[in-house]
Amino acid sequence: MKRGGQAQGFTLIELLLALALSAMLALGAAELFDATQRSYRLSQGQARLQENGRFALAFLMEAVQPAGLSACEGLTPSLRSTLRGGTATAPPAPYNLAAGLGGYDGEEGEFSPSLQNSGLGLVAGALAPSSDVLVTRTLQEPGLRLVSAMPQASAVLFTEPPTDPEVFSPGALLVLSDCRRATLFQMQGAGVTGRGFRITRTREAQPAPGNFTTELYFDGSPFEAGAMLQAASVKSFFIAPGAGGNNRDARPLALFQKGGGAAEELVEGIEDLQLRFAVDENGDGVPERYLTAGAVADFATVRAVEISVLATSVDVVGQDGDGVLRRRFTTTVTLRRHGS
């Protein structure tokens, strides 16, 4: 009697073909996955680059537009100062509010003019080489109005109560203005009294810069009730190494701002800041040309600034060069005080 038919297995050739096909399919799937991941990283990098560029310009535009002494009733008040380190008509370099903007042109680690005596607290060697520095000088809103006239030039000031007392804390720099004239000084003390919010000043040199006089008007005409008192703010914007790292453990550059305290990182992934200032050289209100910071003779003649930032994706997401995406974003901002 014959045995029943035995089951036929795969031949060696068939097994090898099956393994080869499986390997090809697996390799294709792996390549597809890798391509999908690369495409995802690239799109994420492009989105981050766009976001970094837009945020950087937004911060800088917001800082530039209100810079300087605001026009009041059609006038821009003449500025006097009581701050040490300057004169009545020429405040110390960082506090020249008549020039709402300032700048320093970076070139291979050097700056024009020099940062050494800028009073900004910046160290050239800690900043990105060849990147510029922008300085803004503004008056903070809201201000306080005098509730009574000054009986004499060195009199204590009484104002309406502040909504944010920290803005008017000891050592703050303030500007008292009545549209026709303005005086920059440093307050030493404040407190609530029955007559209003009381603000005092002295001739002490500390905290710096201090006042060389307590007299707030120089023309014999006192500031009347209703005169406006505002806190002055001086900020610098610059490029320096950021606090974070990217996906290759590199430390990307970032946009920073610095006021009276420690520097604050604003936007990661900004590698460069370039500035050109629109200068009104003949006083007709129309800028004649754009200059770099080192070529501007008087920043009080600046009417606008062209701001250009080089934004990156921070992380390595591409295959060209170092794999970091880069794009330059540029805009021109007009100072509001000259458009009033």
Protein backbone atom coordinates (compact mmCIF):
# COMPACT_ATOMS: atom_id res chain seq x y z
CA MET A 1 0.00 0.00 0.00
CA LYS A 2 1.36 3.48 -0.93
CA ARG A 3 1.86 6.15 1.67
CA GLY A 4 -0.21 9.35 1.41
CA GLY A 5 1.43 12.41 -0.25
CA GLN A 6 3.83 14.37 2.00
CA ALA A 7 3.55 18.19 2.44
CA GLN A 8 5.96 20.06 0.21
CA GLY A 9 8.14 22.77 1.97
CA PHE A 10 9.81 25.91 0.51
CA THR A 11 12.94 25.38 -1.37
CA LEU A 12 16.12 27.21 -0.37
CA ILE A 13 15.81 29.53 -3.36
CA GLU A 14 12.24 30.45 -2.41
CA LEU A 15 13.32 31.21 1.16
CA LEU A 16 16.15 33.39 -0.04
CA LEU A 17 13.81 35.28 -2.38
CA ALA A 18 11.31 35.80 0.45
CA LEU A 19 14.03 37.09 2.75
CA ALA A 20 15.31 39.43 0.06
CA LEU A 21 11.83 40.81 -0.60
CA SER A 22 11.25 41.26 3.14
CA ALA A 23 14.56 43.07 3.50
CA MET A 24 13.73 45.35 0.58
CA LEU A 25 10.32 46.15 2.06
CA ALA A 26 11.85 46.83 5.48
CA LEU A 27 14.53 49.05 3.95
CA GLY A 28 11.91 50.94 1.98
CA ALA A 29 9.80 51.41 5.09
CA ALA A 30 12.84 52.63 7.03
CA GLU A 31 13.76 55.09 4.27
CA LEU A 32 10.16 56.31 4.11
CA PHE A 33 10.11 56.78 7.89
CA ASP A 34 13.43 58.61 7.78
CA ALA A 35 12.23 60.86 4.95
CA THR A 36 9.04 61.59 6.86
CA GLN A 37 11.07 62.47 9.97
CA ARG A 38 13.38 64.73 7.96
CA SER A 39 10.41 66.45 6.36
CA TYR A 40 8.78 66.92 9.78
CA ARG A 41 11.99 68.34 11.30
CA LEU A 42 12.40 70.66 8.33
CA SER A 43 8.83 71.97 8.56
CA GLN A 44 9.19 72.44 12.32
CA GLY A 45 12.47 74.28 11.77
CA GLN A 46 10.92 76.56 9.17
CA ALA A 47 8.02 77.35 11.50
CA ARG A 48 10.39 78.09 14.38
CA LEU A 49 12.55 80.30 12.19
CA GLN A 50 9.50 82.31 11.10
CA GLU A 51 8.32 82.61 14.70
CA ASN A 52 11.72 83.74 15.97
CA GLY A 53 12.06 86.38 13.27
CA ARG A 54 8.57 87.78 13.79
CA PHE A 55 8.88 87.85 17.59
CA ALA A 56 12.27 89.60 17.43
CA LEU A 57 10.95 92.34 15.15
CA ALA A 58 7.81 92.71 17.27
CA PHE A 59 9.86 93.28 20.45
CA LEU A 60 12.10 95.82 18.74
CA MET A 61 9.25 97.69 17.03
CA GLU A 62 7.38 97.98 20.32
CA ALA A 63 10.48 99.43 21.96
CA VAL A 64 11.34 101.88 19.17
CA GLN A 65 7.99 103.51 18.37
CA PRO A 66 7.44 105.41 21.66
CA ALA A 67 11.11 106.38 22.13
CA GLY A 68 12.02 109.92 23.11
CA LEU A 69 10.11 112.86 24.55
CA SER A 70 6.52 112.71 23.34
CA ALA A 71 5.06 115.70 21.59
CA CYS A 72 2.55 117.54 23.80
CA GLU A 73 0.03 120.04 22.45
CA GLY A 74 2.06 120.16 19.25
CA LEU A 75 5.34 120.82 21.07
CA THR A 76 8.35 118.69 21.94
CA PRO A 77 9.59 120.05 25.27
CA SER A 78 13.18 121.19 25.70
CA LEU A 79 15.04 118.88 28.09
CA ARG A 80 17.09 119.83 31.14
CA SER A 81 18.79 117.45 33.54
CA THR A 82 19.97 117.39 37.16
CA LEU A 83 21.86 114.08 36.86
CA ARG A 84 25.49 113.81 37.92
CA GLY A 85 27.93 113.01 35.17
CA GLY A 86 26.33 115.55 32.86
CA THR A 87 25.26 119.18 32.76
CA ALA A 88 21.91 120.95 32.84
CA THR A 89 21.74 120.85 29.04
CA ALA A 90 23.60 117.58 28.43
CA PRO A 91 22.51 114.55 30.50
CA PRO A 92 24.90 111.61 30.94
CA ALA A 93 25.20 109.54 27.76
CA PRO A 94 22.66 106.80 28.52
CA TYR A 95 19.93 109.25 29.59
CA ASN A 96 19.77 111.71 26.69
CA LEU A 97 16.01 111.46 26.24
CA ALA A 98 16.08 114.16 23.56
CA ALA A 99 17.57 111.40 21.42
CA GLY A 100 14.99 108.65 21.73
CA LEU A 101 17.27 106.16 20.00
CA GLY A 102 20.94 105.33 20.16
CA GLY A 103 23.11 102.69 18.63
CA TYR A 104 26.50 101.05 18.43
CA ASP A 105 27.84 99.64 15.19
CA GLY A 106 29.49 96.25 15.72
CA GLU A 107 32.47 95.23 13.61
CA GLU A 108 34.55 92.15 14.50
CA GLY A 109 34.08 92.56 18.25
CA GLU A 110 34.65 96.34 18.24
CA PHE A 111 31.88 98.93 18.47
CA SER A 112 31.53 102.44 17.07
CA PRO A 113 31.13 104.48 19.17
CA SER A 114 32.85 102.51 21.94
CA LEU A 115 30.71 100.70 24.53
CA GLN A 116 33.31 101.33 27.22
CA ASN A 117 31.83 104.62 28.46
CA SER A 118 28.26 104.02 27.33
CA GLY A 119 26.89 103.58 30.85
CA LEU A 120 24.79 100.65 29.62
CA GLY A 121 26.63 97.97 31.57
CA LEU A 122 27.53 96.01 28.43
CA VAL A 123 30.85 94.24 27.83
CA ALA A 124 31.85 94.16 24.16
CA GLY A 125 33.55 90.77 24.45
CA ALA A 126 30.34 89.13 25.71
CA LEU A 127 28.29 90.19 22.68
CA ALA A 128 28.05 88.65 19.23
CA PRO A 129 30.83 90.05 17.03
CA SER A 130 29.76 92.25 14.09
CA SER A 131 26.21 92.60 15.48
CA ASP A 132 24.84 96.03 16.40
CA VAL A 133 23.40 97.33 19.68
CA LEU A 134 20.15 99.32 19.81
CA VAL A 135 19.35 101.74 22.65
CA THR A 136 15.84 103.06 23.35
CA ARG A 137 14.89 105.84 25.74
CA THR A 138 11.20 106.15 26.61
CA LEU A 139 8.82 107.64 29.14
CA GLN A 140 6.56 105.07 30.77
CA GLU A 141 2.78 105.33 30.80
CA PRO A 142 0.76 106.20 32.76
CA GLY A 143 2.32 109.26 34.36
CA LEU A 144 1.36 111.23 37.47
CA ARG A 145 0.09 114.81 37.50
CA LEU A 146 1.15 117.38 40.06
CA VAL A 147 -1.74 118.18 42.39
CA SER A 148 -0.18 121.48 43.47
CA ALA A 149 2.24 124.00 41.98
CA MET A 150 5.88 124.05 43.04
CA PRO A 151 6.45 127.07 45.33
CA GLN A 152 10.17 127.01 44.57
CA ALA A 153 12.58 125.16 42.28
CA SER A 154 13.80 122.76 44.98
CA ALA A 155 10.37 122.06 46.49
CA VAL A 156 9.04 118.59 47.25
CA LEU A 157 6.62 117.27 44.61
CA PHE A 158 3.06 116.21 45.37
CA THR A 159 1.25 114.14 42.76
CA GLU A 160 -1.81 111.96 42.36
CA PRO A 161 -1.32 108.41 43.70
CA PRO A 162 0.38 105.96 41.31
CA THR A 163 -1.36 102.82 40.08
CA ASP A 164 1.99 101.01 40.23
CA PRO A 165 4.08 102.35 43.15
CA GLU A 166 7.09 100.20 42.12
CA VAL A 167 7.59 102.40 39.05
CA PHE A 168 8.07 105.38 41.37
CA SER A 169 10.42 103.74 43.85
CA PRO A 170 13.61 105.26 45.33
CA GLY A 171 16.32 105.64 42.72
CA ALA A 172 13.94 105.86 39.75
CA LEU A 173 14.70 108.37 37.00
CA LEU A 174 11.77 110.72 36.39
CA VAL A 175 10.87 113.45 33.92
CA LEU A 176 8.68 116.40 34.93
CA SER A 177 7.16 118.16 31.93
CA ASP A 178 4.58 120.82 31.09
CA CYS A 179 4.84 120.49 27.28
CA ARG A 180 7.07 123.56 27.03
CA ARG A 181 10.00 122.18 29.06
CA ALA A 182 11.01 118.98 30.80
CA THR A 183 13.48 118.16 33.57
CA LEU A 184 15.13 114.77 34.11
CA PHE A 185 16.05 113.92 37.72
CA GLN A 186 16.47 111.02 40.12
CA MET A 187 14.04 110.57 42.99
CA GLN A 188 15.28 109.48 46.42
CA GLY A 189 12.08 108.82 48.34
CA ALA A 190 8.30 108.66 48.09
CA GLY A 191 5.26 108.15 50.30
CA VAL A 192 1.55 108.81 50.60
CA THR A 193 0.54 111.94 52.56
CA GLY A 194 -2.60 113.97 53.09
CA ARG A 195 -1.45 116.34 50.33
CA GLY A 196 -0.84 113.58 47.80
CA PHE A 197 1.92 111.20 46.77
CA ARG A 198 5.11 112.88 48.03
CA ILE A 199 8.32 112.59 45.94
CA THR A 200 11.66 113.82 47.25
CA ARG A 201 15.16 114.16 45.82
CA THR A 202 18.60 115.02 47.21
CA ARG A 203 22.09 115.82 45.98
CA GLU A 204 23.39 112.44 47.08
CA ALA A 205 25.52 110.51 44.58
CA GLN A 206 24.01 107.16 45.57
CA PRO A 207 22.23 105.39 44.13
CA ALA A 208 23.97 106.30 40.89
CA PRO A 209 23.82 108.54 39.00
CA GLY A 210 22.46 110.97 41.64
CA ASN A 211 21.61 114.67 41.27
CA PHE A 212 23.99 117.63 41.21
CA THR A 213 21.11 119.95 42.18
CA THR A 214 17.57 119.63 43.54
CA GLU A 215 16.25 122.54 41.44
CA LEU A 216 13.83 121.33 38.79
CA TYR A 217 13.30 124.49 36.73
CA PHE A 218 15.96 126.84 35.43
CA ASP A 219 13.95 129.73 33.98
CA GLY A 220 12.33 131.15 37.14
CA SER A 221 8.92 129.79 36.17
CA PRO A 222 7.63 127.00 38.47
CA PHE A 223 5.90 123.85 37.28
CA GLU A 224 2.19 124.29 37.91
CA ALA A 225 -0.47 121.81 39.01
CA GLY A 226 -1.23 119.45 36.15
CA ALA A 227 2.38 119.10 35.00
CA MET A 228 3.15 115.48 34.12
CA LEU A 229 5.65 113.25 35.92
CA GLN A 230 6.79 110.07 34.14
CA ALA A 231 9.39 107.39 34.79
CA ALA A 232 12.23 107.26 32.26
CA SER A 233 13.30 103.91 30.86
CA VAL A 234 16.60 103.23 29.07
CA LYS A 235 17.01 99.80 27.45
CA SER A 236 19.62 98.22 25.21
CA PHE A 237 18.99 95.37 22.77
CA PHE A 238 21.82 93.13 21.62
CA ILE A 239 22.84 89.64 20.49
CA ALA A 240 24.69 87.27 22.83
CA PRO A 241 24.87 83.52 23.57
CA GLY A 242 21.56 82.27 24.96
CA ALA A 243 20.95 80.12 28.00
CA GLY A 244 19.61 77.07 26.15
CA GLY A 245 21.02 74.49 23.74
CA ASN A 246 19.90 72.94 20.48
CA ASN A 247 19.59 69.30 19.40
CA ARG A 248 23.36 69.10 18.89
CA ASP A 249 24.17 70.54 22.33
CA ALA A 250 25.34 73.80 20.74
CA ARG A 251 24.51 77.10 22.46
CA PRO A 252 22.58 79.30 20.00
CA LEU A 253 22.70 83.10 19.98
CA ALA A 254 19.69 85.07 21.17
CA LEU A 255 18.21 88.57 21.31
CA PHE A 256 18.54 90.18 24.74
CA GLN A 257 17.32 93.36 26.38
CA LYS A 258 18.91 95.11 29.36
CA GLY A 259 17.58 97.93 31.47
CA GLY A 260 18.80 98.88 34.91
CA GLY A 261 19.05 95.27 36.09
CA ALA A 262 20.23 91.97 34.65
CA ALA A 263 19.95 91.23 30.94
CA GLU A 264 16.83 89.33 29.86
CA GLU A 265 16.73 86.85 26.99
CA LEU A 266 13.86 87.73 24.64
CA VAL A 267 14.09 85.45 21.59
CA GLU A 268 16.29 82.40 21.10
CA GLY A 269 17.83 81.77 17.69
CA ILE A 270 18.62 85.36 16.63
CA GLU A 271 22.18 85.48 15.31
CA ASP A 272 22.54 89.05 14.09
CA LEU A 273 21.09 92.54 14.51
CA GLN A 274 21.87 95.26 11.95
CA LEU A 275 20.67 98.86 12.17
CA ARG A 276 20.48 101.85 9.83
CA PHE A 277 19.18 105.17 11.14
CA ALA A 278 17.12 107.60 9.03
CA VAL A 279 18.60 111.04 9.76
CA ASP A 280 16.92 114.43 9.23
CA GLU A 281 19.99 116.57 8.64
CA ASN A 282 18.32 119.86 7.71
CA GLY A 283 15.49 119.85 10.25
CA ASP A 284 12.61 119.73 7.77
CA GLY A 285 11.18 116.56 9.31
CA VAL A 286 12.10 114.41 6.30
CA PRO A 287 15.10 112.05 6.57
CA GLU A 288 17.74 112.64 3.93
CA ARG A 289 19.68 109.39 4.26
CA TYR A 290 20.26 106.23 6.26
CA LEU A 291 23.44 105.90 8.34
CA THR A 292 25.03 103.25 10.51
CA ALA A 293 25.25 104.03 14.23
CA GLY A 294 28.91 105.00 14.07
CA ALA A 295 28.19 107.59 11.36
CA VAL A 296 25.31 109.37 13.17
CA ALA A 297 26.54 112.71 14.54
CA ASP A 298 23.42 113.52 16.59
CA PHE A 299 20.82 110.87 17.43
CA ALA A 300 18.28 113.61 18.15
CA THR A 301 17.99 113.95 14.36
CA VAL A 302 16.96 110.31 13.90
CA ARG A 303 13.39 109.95 12.65
CA ALA A 304 13.25 106.21 11.89
CA VAL A 305 15.39 103.10 12.02
CA GLU A 306 15.76 100.14 9.68
CA ILE A 307 16.00 96.96 11.74
CA SER A 308 17.29 93.70 10.29
CA VAL A 309 17.59 90.46 12.26
CA LEU A 310 18.98 87.09 11.18
CA ALA A 311 16.71 84.39 12.60
CA THR A 312 17.47 80.67 12.75
CA SER A 313 15.70 77.38 13.35
CA VAL A 314 17.94 76.88 16.44
CA ASP A 315 18.06 73.09 15.88
CA VAL A 316 19.85 71.24 13.08
CA VAL A 317 17.02 70.31 10.70
CA GLY A 318 18.53 70.37 7.21
CA GLN A 319 21.39 68.78 5.29
CA ASP A 320 23.01 71.88 3.78
CA GLY A 321 25.90 73.54 5.58
CA ASP A 322 25.61 73.16 9.35
CA GLY A 323 21.96 72.08 9.00
CA VAL A 324 20.56 75.19 10.73
CA LEU A 325 18.01 77.18 8.70
CA ARG A 326 18.55 80.95 8.49
CA ARG A 327 16.55 83.87 7.13
CA ARG A 328 16.85 87.65 7.45
CA PHE A 329 13.81 89.71 8.52
CA THR A 330 13.85 93.48 7.92
CA THR A 331 11.49 96.34 8.72
CA THR A 332 11.61 100.13 9.09
CA VAL A 333 10.08 101.76 12.18
CA THR A 334 9.20 105.44 12.50
CA LEU A 335 9.38 107.14 15.88
CA ARG A 336 5.85 108.10 16.93
CA ARG A 337 6.97 111.30 18.59
CA HIS A 338 7.90 112.71 15.19
CA GLY A 339 4.68 111.60 13.58
CA SER A 340 2.49 113.41 16.13
